[in-house]
C-alpha cells in the first residue's frame, strides 16, 4: 500500500510543479514567434489522442467492442476539451470576444497541468459510466482511463511546445 502512496504522491507533485508560474511578466505582451498556433496542431493531436485512448481501453480491458469504446472516447474527449475553453473564455479579459479571437491572440498554450486535471475530472466519470457494464475489472478501467489521459495530454503539450513557439 505504501508503494502506491509514494508513486501517487510523486506523480501529483511532479504535475503540480508545472501548474504554477514562477515568473511574472507585468505589462509585457505575448508574441507568437512561429507561424504555427496551438489550434493548428489540434486536429492532428486530436486524432492521435482518439486512437491511443481507444486502443488502450479496448486492448488492455479486452472489451472487444471497438465502436462502443471509440464513441465513448470521442464524446468524452469532446466534453473534456470544451470544459477548459468554456472556463477560460468566461474568466479572462477575453470573455466578450469570439473564440477565434481568443485562439489567435491568447497568450497561452492550450494544454497544461490545469487542462490535465479538468480533462481527467470530466472524462473519468464519463468513461466509467459508459463502459462499466462492458468490463470485469472496474479499478483497471479507472487506471487505464487516467493513464491514457495523462499520456495523451502530455503528448499534446509536448507537440504544442515543440511546434508552436511564443515568448513574452
N, C-alpha and C. Protein backbone atom coordinates (compact mmCIF):
# COMPACT_ATOMS: atom_id res chain seq x y z
N UNK A 1 0.82 -1.20 0.00
CA UNK A 1 0.00 0.00 0.00
C UNK A 1 0.87 1.26 0.00
N UNK A 2 1.95 1.25 0.78
CA UNK A 2 2.82 2.42 0.84
C UNK A 2 3.50 2.69 -0.49
N UNK A 3 3.74 1.63 -1.26
CA UNK A 3 4.37 1.81 -2.57
C UNK A 3 3.47 2.64 -3.47
N UNK A 4 2.17 2.35 -3.49
CA UNK A 4 1.24 3.10 -4.33
C UNK A 4 1.08 4.53 -3.84
N UNK A 5 1.12 4.72 -2.54
CA UNK A 5 1.02 6.06 -1.97
C UNK A 5 2.22 6.91 -2.40
N UNK A 6 3.40 6.33 -2.39
CA UNK A 6 4.60 7.06 -2.80
C UNK A 6 4.56 7.40 -4.28
N UNK A 7 4.11 6.47 -5.10
CA UNK A 7 4.00 6.72 -6.54
C UNK A 7 2.98 7.81 -6.82
N UNK A 8 1.84 7.73 -6.14
CA UNK A 8 0.78 8.73 -6.33
C UNK A 8 1.26 10.11 -5.89
N UNK A 9 1.87 10.20 -4.73
CA UNK A 9 2.36 11.49 -4.24
C UNK A 9 3.43 12.08 -5.16
N UNK A 10 4.32 11.25 -5.65
CA UNK A 10 5.36 11.72 -6.56
C UNK A 10 4.77 12.23 -7.86
N UNK A 11 3.81 11.50 -8.40
CA UNK A 11 3.16 11.91 -9.65
C UNK A 11 2.41 13.22 -9.48
N UNK A 12 1.64 13.35 -8.42
CA UNK A 12 0.88 14.58 -8.18
C UNK A 12 1.83 15.76 -7.97
N UNK A 13 2.90 15.55 -7.22
CA UNK A 13 3.88 16.62 -7.01
C UNK A 13 4.52 17.06 -8.31
N UNK A 14 4.89 16.10 -9.15
CA UNK A 14 5.51 16.43 -10.43
C UNK A 14 4.55 17.22 -11.32
N UNK A 15 3.28 16.86 -11.31
CA UNK A 15 2.30 17.58 -12.12
C UNK A 15 2.04 18.98 -11.57
N UNK A 16 2.01 19.11 -10.26
CA UNK A 16 1.75 20.42 -9.66
C UNK A 16 2.89 21.41 -9.86
N UNK A 17 4.09 20.91 -10.02
CA UNK A 17 5.23 21.80 -10.25
C UNK A 17 5.00 22.64 -11.51
N UNK A 18 4.39 22.03 -12.52
CA UNK A 18 4.17 22.73 -13.78
C UNK A 18 2.88 23.55 -13.77
N UNK A 19 2.10 23.46 -12.72
CA UNK A 19 0.84 24.19 -12.66
C UNK A 19 1.01 25.63 -12.20
N UNK A 20 2.12 25.94 -11.57
CA UNK A 20 2.32 27.25 -11.01
C UNK A 20 3.41 28.01 -11.75
N UNK A 21 3.17 29.27 -11.97
CA UNK A 21 4.15 30.10 -12.65
C UNK A 21 5.17 30.59 -11.64
N UNK A 22 6.43 30.61 -12.06
CA UNK A 22 7.50 31.07 -11.18
C UNK A 22 7.95 32.48 -11.50
N UNK A 23 7.49 33.01 -12.61
CA UNK A 23 7.90 34.34 -13.03
C UNK A 23 6.68 35.19 -13.33
N UNK A 24 6.87 36.48 -13.31
CA UNK A 24 5.80 37.41 -13.65
C UNK A 24 6.31 38.34 -14.74
N UNK A 25 5.47 38.59 -15.72
CA UNK A 25 5.82 39.46 -16.82
C UNK A 25 4.81 40.61 -16.88
N UNK A 26 4.91 41.53 -15.94
CA UNK A 26 3.97 42.63 -15.85
C UNK A 26 4.14 43.58 -17.04
N UNK A 27 3.03 43.97 -17.60
CA UNK A 27 2.98 44.90 -18.73
C UNK A 27 3.76 44.43 -19.95
N UNK A 28 3.94 43.17 -20.10
CA UNK A 28 4.57 42.67 -21.32
C UNK A 28 3.54 41.90 -22.12
N UNK A 29 3.77 41.78 -23.39
CA UNK A 29 2.80 41.14 -24.28
C UNK A 29 3.36 39.84 -24.80
N UNK A 30 2.48 38.88 -24.98
CA UNK A 30 2.84 37.60 -25.56
C UNK A 30 2.92 37.75 -27.07
N UNK A 31 3.94 37.16 -27.66
CA UNK A 31 4.12 37.20 -29.10
C UNK A 31 4.37 35.78 -29.59
N UNK A 32 3.61 35.36 -30.58
CA UNK A 32 3.87 34.07 -31.20
C UNK A 32 5.01 34.26 -32.18
N UNK A 33 6.06 33.48 -32.04
CA UNK A 33 7.22 33.56 -32.92
C UNK A 33 7.00 32.72 -34.17
N UNK A 34 6.44 31.55 -33.99
CA UNK A 34 6.24 30.64 -35.12
C UNK A 34 4.91 30.95 -35.82
N UNK A 35 4.81 30.49 -37.03
CA UNK A 35 3.56 30.62 -37.78
C UNK A 35 2.49 29.67 -37.25
N UNK A 36 2.92 28.59 -36.64
CA UNK A 36 2.02 27.57 -36.14
C UNK A 36 1.48 27.97 -34.78
N UNK A 37 0.17 27.86 -34.63
CA UNK A 37 -0.50 28.14 -33.37
C UNK A 37 -1.02 26.82 -32.79
N UNK A 38 -1.34 26.78 -31.50
CA UNK A 38 -1.85 25.53 -30.93
C UNK A 38 -3.08 24.98 -31.66
N UNK A 39 -3.96 25.84 -32.13
CA UNK A 39 -5.15 25.33 -32.82
C UNK A 39 -4.80 24.74 -34.19
N UNK A 40 -3.64 25.05 -34.75
CA UNK A 40 -3.20 24.42 -36.00
C UNK A 40 -2.82 22.97 -35.76
N UNK A 41 -2.30 22.68 -34.59
CA UNK A 41 -1.85 21.34 -34.23
C UNK A 41 -3.02 20.47 -33.77
N UNK A 42 -4.10 21.11 -33.31
CA UNK A 42 -5.22 20.42 -32.69
C UNK A 42 -5.80 19.26 -33.50
N UNK A 43 -6.10 19.40 -34.78
CA UNK A 43 -6.70 18.25 -35.50
C UNK A 43 -5.82 17.00 -35.49
N UNK A 44 -4.53 17.18 -35.62
CA UNK A 44 -3.62 16.04 -35.68
C UNK A 44 -3.48 15.35 -34.33
N UNK A 45 -3.33 16.15 -33.28
CA UNK A 45 -3.19 15.55 -31.95
C UNK A 45 -4.53 14.98 -31.46
N UNK A 46 -5.64 15.55 -31.91
CA UNK A 46 -6.95 15.01 -31.53
C UNK A 46 -7.13 13.61 -32.12
N UNK A 47 -6.74 13.43 -33.37
CA UNK A 47 -6.85 12.11 -34.00
C UNK A 47 -5.95 11.11 -33.28
N UNK A 48 -4.72 11.52 -32.99
CA UNK A 48 -3.80 10.63 -32.27
C UNK A 48 -4.34 10.29 -30.89
N UNK A 49 -4.92 11.26 -30.20
CA UNK A 49 -5.49 11.04 -28.88
C UNK A 49 -6.61 10.02 -28.93
N UNK A 50 -7.51 10.18 -29.89
CA UNK A 50 -8.63 9.24 -30.01
C UNK A 50 -8.14 7.83 -30.28
N UNK A 51 -7.16 7.69 -31.14
CA UNK A 51 -6.62 6.37 -31.48
C UNK A 51 -5.94 5.74 -30.27
N UNK A 52 -5.10 6.50 -29.59
CA UNK A 52 -4.35 5.96 -28.44
C UNK A 52 -5.29 5.57 -27.31
N UNK A 53 -6.23 6.44 -26.96
CA UNK A 53 -7.14 6.13 -25.85
C UNK A 53 -8.06 4.96 -26.19
N UNK A 54 -8.57 4.91 -27.41
CA UNK A 54 -9.43 3.80 -27.82
C UNK A 54 -8.66 2.48 -27.78
N UNK A 55 -7.45 2.49 -28.33
CA UNK A 55 -6.65 1.27 -28.34
C UNK A 55 -6.30 0.83 -26.93
N UNK A 56 -5.91 1.76 -26.07
CA UNK A 56 -5.55 1.41 -24.69
C UNK A 56 -6.73 0.78 -23.96
N UNK A 57 -7.88 1.42 -24.03
CA UNK A 57 -9.05 0.89 -23.33
C UNK A 57 -9.47 -0.45 -23.90
N UNK A 58 -9.50 -0.57 -25.22
CA UNK A 58 -10.00 -1.78 -25.84
C UNK A 58 -9.04 -2.95 -25.68
N UNK A 59 -7.76 -2.71 -25.84
CA UNK A 59 -6.79 -3.80 -25.78
C UNK A 59 -6.49 -4.24 -24.35
N UNK A 60 -6.31 -3.30 -23.45
CA UNK A 60 -5.96 -3.66 -22.07
C UNK A 60 -7.16 -4.26 -21.34
N UNK A 61 -8.34 -3.66 -21.55
CA UNK A 61 -9.53 -4.15 -20.86
C UNK A 61 -10.22 -5.29 -21.61
N UNK A 62 -9.77 -5.56 -22.82
CA UNK A 62 -10.32 -6.64 -23.65
C UNK A 62 -11.85 -6.53 -23.80
N UNK A 63 -12.29 -5.35 -24.17
CA UNK A 63 -13.73 -5.11 -24.32
C UNK A 63 -14.25 -5.75 -25.60
N UNK A 64 -13.53 -5.59 -26.69
CA UNK A 64 -13.92 -6.24 -27.94
C UNK A 64 -14.94 -5.48 -28.76
N UNK A 65 -15.48 -4.40 -28.24
CA UNK A 65 -16.46 -3.61 -28.98
C UNK A 65 -15.83 -2.26 -29.30
N UNK A 66 -15.10 -2.20 -30.41
CA UNK A 66 -14.36 -1.00 -30.80
C UNK A 66 -15.29 0.19 -30.99
N UNK A 67 -16.48 -0.05 -31.53
CA UNK A 67 -17.41 1.06 -31.80
C UNK A 67 -17.88 1.71 -30.50
N UNK A 68 -18.19 0.91 -29.51
CA UNK A 68 -18.64 1.46 -28.23
C UNK A 68 -17.51 2.23 -27.55
N UNK A 69 -16.32 1.64 -27.55
CA UNK A 69 -15.18 2.31 -26.91
C UNK A 69 -14.85 3.60 -27.64
N UNK A 70 -14.78 3.56 -28.98
CA UNK A 70 -14.45 4.76 -29.74
C UNK A 70 -15.49 5.85 -29.54
N UNK A 71 -16.77 5.50 -29.58
CA UNK A 71 -17.80 6.54 -29.40
C UNK A 71 -17.72 7.15 -28.01
N UNK A 72 -17.44 6.34 -27.00
CA UNK A 72 -17.27 6.88 -25.64
C UNK A 72 -16.06 7.79 -25.54
N UNK A 73 -14.95 7.37 -26.13
CA UNK A 73 -13.74 8.20 -26.11
C UNK A 73 -13.98 9.50 -26.86
N UNK A 74 -14.65 9.43 -27.99
CA UNK A 74 -14.94 10.64 -28.78
C UNK A 74 -15.81 11.62 -28.00
N UNK A 75 -16.91 11.13 -27.45
CA UNK A 75 -17.81 12.01 -26.69
C UNK A 75 -17.11 12.55 -25.44
N UNK A 76 -16.41 11.67 -24.72
CA UNK A 76 -15.70 12.10 -23.51
C UNK A 76 -14.65 13.15 -23.81
N UNK A 77 -13.91 12.98 -24.90
CA UNK A 77 -12.88 13.97 -25.26
C UNK A 77 -13.50 15.29 -25.71
N UNK A 78 -14.61 15.23 -26.42
CA UNK A 78 -15.27 16.48 -26.83
C UNK A 78 -15.74 17.26 -25.60
N UNK A 79 -16.33 16.57 -24.66
CA UNK A 79 -16.79 17.24 -23.44
C UNK A 79 -15.61 17.76 -22.63
N UNK A 80 -14.59 16.90 -22.45
CA UNK A 80 -13.46 17.31 -21.62
C UNK A 80 -12.62 18.39 -22.28
N UNK A 81 -12.66 18.50 -23.58
CA UNK A 81 -11.92 19.56 -24.26
C UNK A 81 -12.69 20.87 -24.21
N UNK A 82 -14.01 20.80 -24.23
CA UNK A 82 -14.84 22.01 -24.21
C UNK A 82 -14.83 22.69 -22.84
N UNK A 83 -14.78 21.92 -21.78
CA UNK A 83 -14.87 22.49 -20.42
C UNK A 83 -13.77 23.51 -20.14
N UNK A 84 -12.49 23.20 -20.41
CA UNK A 84 -11.46 24.23 -20.15
C UNK A 84 -11.64 25.49 -20.99
N UNK A 85 -12.06 25.35 -22.24
CA UNK A 85 -12.26 26.53 -23.08
C UNK A 85 -13.42 27.38 -22.57
N UNK A 86 -14.49 26.74 -22.14
CA UNK A 86 -15.63 27.48 -21.59
C UNK A 86 -15.21 28.21 -20.33
N UNK A 87 -14.48 27.51 -19.46
CA UNK A 87 -13.98 28.15 -18.23
C UNK A 87 -13.04 29.30 -18.52
N UNK A 88 -12.14 29.10 -19.47
CA UNK A 88 -11.16 30.14 -19.80
C UNK A 88 -11.84 31.35 -20.43
N UNK A 89 -12.78 31.10 -21.32
CA UNK A 89 -13.42 32.22 -22.01
C UNK A 89 -14.33 33.03 -21.10
N UNK A 90 -14.74 32.46 -19.97
CA UNK A 90 -15.60 33.19 -19.04
C UNK A 90 -14.84 33.83 -17.89
N UNK A 91 -13.53 33.61 -17.81
CA UNK A 91 -12.79 34.12 -16.66
C UNK A 91 -11.58 34.96 -17.05
N UNK A 92 -11.48 35.35 -18.28
CA UNK A 92 -10.32 36.11 -18.73
C UNK A 92 -10.75 37.46 -19.28
N UNK A 93 -9.79 38.29 -19.62
CA UNK A 93 -10.14 39.57 -20.23
C UNK A 93 -10.81 39.39 -21.60
N UNK A 94 -10.75 38.18 -22.13
CA UNK A 94 -11.32 37.91 -23.45
C UNK A 94 -12.77 37.45 -23.39
N UNK A 95 -13.42 37.55 -22.24
CA UNK A 95 -14.74 36.95 -22.07
C UNK A 95 -15.78 37.41 -23.09
N UNK A 96 -15.63 38.62 -23.63
CA UNK A 96 -16.63 39.11 -24.58
C UNK A 96 -16.15 38.99 -26.03
N UNK A 97 -15.06 38.28 -26.25
CA UNK A 97 -14.50 38.11 -27.59
C UNK A 97 -14.91 36.77 -28.17
N UNK A 98 -14.97 36.67 -29.50
CA UNK A 98 -15.26 35.36 -30.10
C UNK A 98 -14.08 34.39 -29.89
N UNK A 99 -14.38 33.10 -29.97
CA UNK A 99 -13.36 32.07 -29.73
C UNK A 99 -12.20 32.20 -30.71
N UNK A 100 -12.46 32.55 -31.96
CA UNK A 100 -11.38 32.69 -32.94
C UNK A 100 -10.40 33.79 -32.52
N UNK A 101 -10.89 34.87 -31.95
CA UNK A 101 -10.03 35.96 -31.47
C UNK A 101 -9.17 35.47 -30.30
N UNK A 102 -9.79 34.75 -29.38
CA UNK A 102 -9.07 34.23 -28.22
C UNK A 102 -7.96 33.28 -28.66
N UNK A 103 -8.28 32.39 -29.59
CA UNK A 103 -7.29 31.41 -30.04
C UNK A 103 -6.13 32.05 -30.77
N UNK A 104 -6.39 33.12 -31.51
CA UNK A 104 -5.34 33.77 -32.28
C UNK A 104 -4.45 34.64 -31.41
N UNK A 105 -5.02 35.31 -30.43
CA UNK A 105 -4.26 36.30 -29.67
C UNK A 105 -3.97 35.90 -28.23
N UNK A 106 -4.53 34.80 -27.80
CA UNK A 106 -4.34 34.40 -26.42
C UNK A 106 -2.91 34.04 -26.09
N UNK A 107 -2.40 34.55 -25.00
CA UNK A 107 -1.02 34.25 -24.61
C UNK A 107 -0.92 32.95 -23.84
N UNK A 108 -1.19 31.85 -24.49
CA UNK A 108 -1.19 30.60 -23.77
C UNK A 108 -1.05 29.43 -24.73
N UNK A 109 -0.55 28.36 -24.17
CA UNK A 109 -0.64 27.07 -24.84
C UNK A 109 -1.93 26.44 -24.36
N UNK A 110 -2.55 25.65 -25.18
CA UNK A 110 -3.84 25.08 -24.82
C UNK A 110 -3.71 24.10 -23.66
N UNK A 111 -2.72 23.25 -23.69
CA UNK A 111 -2.65 22.14 -22.75
C UNK A 111 -1.56 22.37 -21.71
N UNK A 112 -1.95 22.20 -20.46
CA UNK A 112 -1.04 22.30 -19.33
C UNK A 112 -1.57 21.44 -18.19
N UNK A 113 -1.04 21.65 -17.01
CA UNK A 113 -1.43 20.84 -15.85
C UNK A 113 -2.91 21.05 -15.49
N UNK A 114 -3.37 22.29 -15.54
CA UNK A 114 -4.78 22.55 -15.22
C UNK A 114 -5.69 21.86 -16.23
N UNK A 115 -5.28 21.87 -17.49
CA UNK A 115 -6.05 21.19 -18.53
C UNK A 115 -6.12 19.69 -18.25
N UNK A 116 -5.02 19.11 -17.80
CA UNK A 116 -5.00 17.68 -17.47
C UNK A 116 -5.97 17.38 -16.34
N UNK A 117 -5.94 18.17 -15.29
CA UNK A 117 -6.85 17.92 -14.16
C UNK A 117 -8.31 18.04 -14.58
N UNK A 118 -8.64 19.05 -15.38
CA UNK A 118 -10.01 19.19 -15.85
C UNK A 118 -10.41 18.04 -16.76
N UNK A 119 -9.50 17.63 -17.62
CA UNK A 119 -9.78 16.53 -18.53
C UNK A 119 -10.08 15.25 -17.77
N UNK A 120 -9.24 14.93 -16.81
CA UNK A 120 -9.46 13.71 -16.03
C UNK A 120 -10.73 13.83 -15.19
N UNK A 121 -10.97 14.99 -14.62
CA UNK A 121 -12.17 15.19 -13.79
C UNK A 121 -13.45 15.03 -14.60
N UNK A 122 -13.43 15.38 -15.86
CA UNK A 122 -14.61 15.26 -16.71
C UNK A 122 -14.67 13.89 -17.38
N UNK A 123 -13.57 13.46 -17.95
CA UNK A 123 -13.58 12.25 -18.77
C UNK A 123 -13.64 10.96 -17.95
N UNK A 124 -13.02 10.92 -16.79
CA UNK A 124 -13.01 9.71 -15.98
C UNK A 124 -14.42 9.26 -15.59
N UNK A 125 -15.25 10.12 -14.99
CA UNK A 125 -16.60 9.66 -14.65
C UNK A 125 -17.42 9.27 -15.89
N UNK A 126 -17.23 10.04 -16.97
CA UNK A 126 -17.98 9.73 -18.19
C UNK A 126 -17.62 8.34 -18.71
N UNK A 127 -16.32 8.06 -18.84
CA UNK A 127 -15.88 6.76 -19.36
C UNK A 127 -16.24 5.63 -18.40
N UNK A 128 -16.20 5.90 -17.12
CA UNK A 128 -16.57 4.87 -16.14
C UNK A 128 -18.02 4.44 -16.35
N UNK A 129 -18.92 5.42 -16.42
CA UNK A 129 -20.33 5.06 -16.59
C UNK A 129 -20.62 4.53 -17.99
N UNK A 130 -19.84 4.94 -18.97
CA UNK A 130 -20.03 4.48 -20.35
C UNK A 130 -19.64 3.01 -20.51
N UNK A 131 -18.55 2.61 -19.83
CA UNK A 131 -18.01 1.27 -20.05
C UNK A 131 -18.12 0.31 -18.87
N UNK A 132 -18.70 0.73 -17.75
CA UNK A 132 -18.67 -0.11 -16.55
C UNK A 132 -19.37 -1.45 -16.73
N UNK A 133 -20.36 -1.54 -17.59
CA UNK A 133 -21.04 -2.82 -17.81
C UNK A 133 -20.29 -3.71 -18.80
N UNK A 134 -19.31 -3.13 -19.49
CA UNK A 134 -18.57 -3.88 -20.50
C UNK A 134 -17.25 -4.45 -19.98
N UNK A 135 -16.88 -4.11 -18.74
CA UNK A 135 -15.61 -4.57 -18.20
C UNK A 135 -15.83 -5.38 -16.93
N UNK A 136 -14.88 -6.26 -16.65
CA UNK A 136 -14.95 -7.06 -15.43
C UNK A 136 -14.27 -6.35 -14.27
N UNK A 137 -13.16 -5.67 -14.56
CA UNK A 137 -12.36 -5.03 -13.53
C UNK A 137 -12.52 -3.50 -13.63
N UNK A 138 -13.38 -2.96 -12.78
CA UNK A 138 -13.66 -1.52 -12.83
C UNK A 138 -12.48 -0.68 -12.34
N UNK A 139 -11.67 -1.21 -11.44
CA UNK A 139 -10.48 -0.48 -10.99
C UNK A 139 -9.48 -0.34 -12.14
N UNK A 140 -9.37 -1.39 -12.95
CA UNK A 140 -8.48 -1.32 -14.10
C UNK A 140 -9.03 -0.32 -15.13
N UNK A 141 -10.34 -0.24 -15.26
CA UNK A 141 -10.95 0.76 -16.14
C UNK A 141 -10.55 2.17 -15.71
N UNK A 142 -10.62 2.44 -14.43
CA UNK A 142 -10.24 3.76 -13.91
C UNK A 142 -8.75 4.01 -14.16
N UNK A 143 -7.92 3.04 -13.87
CA UNK A 143 -6.48 3.19 -14.05
C UNK A 143 -6.11 3.43 -15.51
N UNK A 144 -6.66 2.63 -16.40
CA UNK A 144 -6.34 2.77 -17.83
C UNK A 144 -6.84 4.11 -18.35
N UNK A 145 -8.01 4.54 -17.93
CA UNK A 145 -8.54 5.83 -18.37
C UNK A 145 -7.64 6.98 -17.92
N UNK A 146 -7.22 6.96 -16.67
CA UNK A 146 -6.36 8.03 -16.15
C UNK A 146 -5.00 8.01 -16.84
N UNK A 147 -4.38 6.84 -16.95
CA UNK A 147 -3.06 6.75 -17.57
C UNK A 147 -3.12 7.16 -19.04
N UNK A 148 -4.13 6.71 -19.76
CA UNK A 148 -4.27 7.08 -21.18
C UNK A 148 -4.43 8.58 -21.32
N UNK A 149 -5.19 9.21 -20.43
CA UNK A 149 -5.37 10.66 -20.49
C UNK A 149 -4.09 11.41 -20.15
N UNK A 150 -3.35 10.92 -19.17
CA UNK A 150 -2.08 11.56 -18.82
C UNK A 150 -1.10 11.46 -20.00
N UNK A 151 -1.01 10.28 -20.61
CA UNK A 151 -0.10 10.08 -21.73
C UNK A 151 -0.48 10.96 -22.91
N UNK A 152 -1.75 10.98 -23.28
CA UNK A 152 -2.16 11.77 -24.45
C UNK A 152 -2.09 13.26 -24.18
N UNK A 153 -2.40 13.69 -22.96
CA UNK A 153 -2.30 15.10 -22.63
C UNK A 153 -0.84 15.55 -22.65
N UNK A 154 0.04 14.74 -22.12
CA UNK A 154 1.47 15.06 -22.17
C UNK A 154 1.95 15.12 -23.62
N UNK A 155 1.48 14.20 -24.45
CA UNK A 155 1.86 14.19 -25.86
C UNK A 155 1.41 15.48 -26.56
N UNK A 156 0.20 15.92 -26.27
CA UNK A 156 -0.32 17.15 -26.88
C UNK A 156 0.47 18.36 -26.38
N UNK A 157 0.76 18.40 -25.08
CA UNK A 157 1.53 19.52 -24.53
C UNK A 157 2.91 19.61 -25.17
N UNK A 158 3.58 18.48 -25.32
CA UNK A 158 4.90 18.47 -25.94
C UNK A 158 4.80 18.91 -27.40
N UNK A 159 3.81 18.41 -28.12
CA UNK A 159 3.64 18.79 -29.53
C UNK A 159 3.40 20.29 -29.67
N UNK A 160 2.57 20.86 -28.79
CA UNK A 160 2.33 22.31 -28.84
C UNK A 160 3.60 23.11 -28.59
N UNK A 161 4.34 22.70 -27.61
CA UNK A 161 5.53 23.46 -27.25
C UNK A 161 6.68 23.30 -28.25
N UNK A 162 6.71 22.18 -28.93
CA UNK A 162 7.74 21.97 -29.95
C UNK A 162 7.38 22.68 -31.25
N UNK A 163 6.12 22.61 -31.63
CA UNK A 163 5.70 23.16 -32.92
C UNK A 163 5.26 24.62 -32.88
N UNK A 164 4.87 25.10 -31.70
CA UNK A 164 4.36 26.47 -31.57
C UNK A 164 5.26 27.23 -30.60
N UNK A 165 5.97 28.21 -31.12
CA UNK A 165 6.89 28.97 -30.28
C UNK A 165 6.32 30.36 -29.99
N UNK A 166 6.40 30.73 -28.73
CA UNK A 166 5.96 32.06 -28.32
C UNK A 166 6.82 32.55 -27.17
N UNK A 167 6.74 33.84 -26.90
CA UNK A 167 7.50 34.39 -25.79
C UNK A 167 6.83 35.68 -25.31
N UNK A 168 7.19 36.09 -24.12
CA UNK A 168 6.69 37.35 -23.57
C UNK A 168 7.54 38.49 -24.08
